[in-house]
Amino acid sequence: MHEVVLFSLIVVAGTAGELCVSRAMKSIGEVHDFRPKSILSFVLQSLRLPWMWLGIALMSLGFFSLLAILSFQEVSFVVPVSALSYAAGAFGAKAFLGERINRNRWIGIAVVCIGVTIVWWSRK
């Protein structure tokens, strides 16, 4: 049961963190000037956004969940199953960020989900 909780945290918290960081970065805009002073200004501006901090916290939770599950599961099982974050990311991008996802991407996401199912069924 604890592995289901950890996998859920990897997928949900990690993906939610990425979505929050993406939202924060989209509110700032694109980087056009790569001089050190401009990059520092960009970083400082991003650190003032609550979405950035929420994203960092959620991604940290997902990362530490990954570390925890790697302490007792094989990496050849953990990495493929954690690929469900790709599907979660697509659904989150559509719902949370309003992104359009074309048919080919949905097909790719379905293939990933089928692969995860096969790996899950093949576990010891």
Protein backbone atom coordinates (compact mmCIF):
# COMPACT_ATOMS: atom_id res chain seq x y z
CA MET A 1 0.00 0.00 0.00
CA HIS A 2 2.80 2.44 0.81
CA GLU A 3 4.23 2.04 -2.69
CA VAL A 4 0.90 3.17 -4.17
CA VAL A 5 1.02 6.28 -1.96
CA LEU A 6 4.61 7.01 -2.97
CA PHE A 7 3.90 6.51 -6.68
CA SER A 8 0.87 8.77 -6.35
CA LEU A 9 3.02 11.45 -4.73
CA ILE A 10 5.65 11.11 -7.46
CA VAL A 11 3.08 11.49 -10.21
CA VAL A 12 0.64 13.96 -8.67
CA ALA A 13 2.93 16.18 -6.59
CA GLY A 14 5.76 16.17 -9.12
CA THR A 15 3.47 16.98 -12.03
CA ALA A 16 1.50 19.59 -10.07
CA GLY A 17 4.81 21.22 -9.18
CA GLU A 18 5.84 21.36 -12.83
CA LEU A 19 2.49 22.89 -13.74
CA CYS A 20 2.82 25.53 -11.01
CA VAL A 21 6.35 26.45 -12.13
CA SER A 22 5.15 26.63 -15.72
CA ARG A 23 2.34 28.96 -14.71
CA ALA A 24 4.78 31.17 -12.82
CA MET A 25 7.20 31.32 -15.72
CA LYS A 26 4.46 32.08 -18.26
CA SER A 27 3.37 35.02 -16.13
CA ILE A 28 6.89 36.46 -16.30
CA GLY A 29 7.40 35.86 -19.99
CA GLU A 30 10.18 34.71 -22.23
CA VAL A 31 13.86 35.34 -21.56
CA HIS A 32 15.40 37.41 -24.34
CA ASP A 33 18.49 38.84 -22.69
CA PHE A 34 21.07 36.33 -21.44
CA ARG A 35 23.50 38.71 -19.81
CA PRO A 36 24.19 37.74 -16.17
CA LYS A 37 22.48 40.85 -14.76
CA SER A 38 19.32 40.16 -16.79
CA ILE A 39 19.26 36.50 -15.81
CA LEU A 40 19.67 37.42 -12.14
CA SER A 41 16.81 39.89 -12.45
CA PHE A 42 14.66 37.21 -14.10
CA VAL A 43 15.43 34.70 -11.32
CA LEU A 44 14.69 37.23 -8.58
CA GLN A 45 11.42 38.16 -10.30
CA SER A 46 10.39 34.50 -10.46
CA LEU A 47 11.18 33.99 -6.77
CA ARG A 48 8.59 36.63 -5.88
CA LEU A 49 5.78 34.53 -7.31
CA PRO A 50 3.75 32.24 -5.03
CA TRP A 51 3.23 29.79 -7.93
CA MET A 52 7.01 29.30 -8.10
CA TRP A 53 7.32 28.47 -4.41
CA LEU A 54 4.32 26.13 -4.50
CA GLY A 55 5.83 24.44 -7.54
CA ILE A 56 9.20 24.02 -5.87
CA ALA A 57 7.56 22.54 -2.75
CA LEU A 58 5.46 20.08 -4.76
CA MET A 59 8.37 19.04 -6.97
CA SER A 60 10.44 18.48 -3.83
CA LEU A 61 7.72 16.26 -2.39
CA GLY A 62 7.65 14.26 -5.61
CA PHE A 63 11.45 13.97 -5.66
CA PHE A 64 11.72 12.78 -2.07
CA SER A 65 8.94 10.28 -2.71
CA LEU A 66 11.01 8.98 -5.61
CA LEU A 67 14.02 8.63 -3.33
CA ALA A 68 11.93 6.80 -0.76
CA ILE A 69 10.53 4.27 -3.22
CA LEU A 70 13.96 3.68 -4.75
CA SER A 71 15.14 2.57 -1.32
CA PHE A 72 13.04 -0.61 -1.55
CA GLN A 73 11.98 -1.07 -5.20
CA GLU A 74 14.01 -1.81 -8.31
CA VAL A 75 14.74 1.12 -10.60
CA SER A 76 13.64 -0.99 -13.58
CA PHE A 77 10.15 -0.95 -12.03
CA VAL A 78 10.08 2.55 -10.54
CA VAL A 79 11.15 4.55 -13.60
CA PRO A 80 8.59 3.06 -16.03
CA VAL A 81 5.72 3.35 -13.53
CA SER A 82 6.63 6.94 -12.70
CA ALA A 83 6.21 7.67 -16.44
CA LEU A 84 2.53 8.14 -15.60
CA SER A 85 3.60 11.69 -14.83
CA TYR A 86 3.66 12.26 -18.61
CA ALA A 87 -0.05 11.49 -18.80
CA ALA A 88 -0.77 13.53 -15.68
CA GLY A 89 1.20 16.42 -17.16
CA ALA A 90 -0.84 16.40 -20.34
CA PHE A 91 -4.15 16.33 -18.48
CA GLY A 92 -2.92 19.05 -16.12
CA ALA A 93 -1.65 21.21 -18.97
CA LYS A 94 -5.03 20.98 -20.66
CA ALA A 95 -7.09 21.63 -17.52
CA PHE A 96 -4.83 24.02 -15.59
CA LEU A 97 -2.90 25.87 -18.30
CA GLY A 98 -5.46 25.68 -21.11
CA GLU A 99 -3.05 24.02 -23.53
CA ARG A 100 -4.29 22.27 -26.64
CA ILE A 101 -3.16 18.70 -27.05
CA ASN A 102 -3.42 17.15 -30.49
CA ARG A 103 -4.49 13.62 -31.34
CA ASN A 104 -0.94 12.34 -31.86
CA ARG A 105 0.07 13.40 -28.36
CA TRP A 106 -2.98 11.66 -26.89
CA ILE A 107 -2.00 8.51 -28.78
CA GLY A 108 1.52 8.75 -27.36
CA ILE A 109 0.13 9.23 -23.87
CA ALA A 110 -2.07 6.15 -24.32
CA VAL A 111 0.98 4.12 -25.37
CA VAL A 112 2.86 5.25 -22.25
CA CYS A 113 -0.12 4.26 -20.07
CA ILE A 114 -0.29 0.83 -21.73
CA GLY A 115 3.44 0.39 -21.09
CA VAL A 116 3.04 1.36 -17.44
CA THR A 117 0.21 -1.16 -17.09
CA ILE A 118 2.37 -3.93 -18.54
CA VAL A 119 5.26 -3.08 -16.19
CA TRP A 120 2.88 -2.96 -13.18
CA TRP A 121 1.44 -6.39 -14.02
CA SER A 122 4.92 -7.85 -14.43
CA ARG A 123 6.14 -6.90 -10.94
CA LYS A 124 7.22 -9.57 -8.52
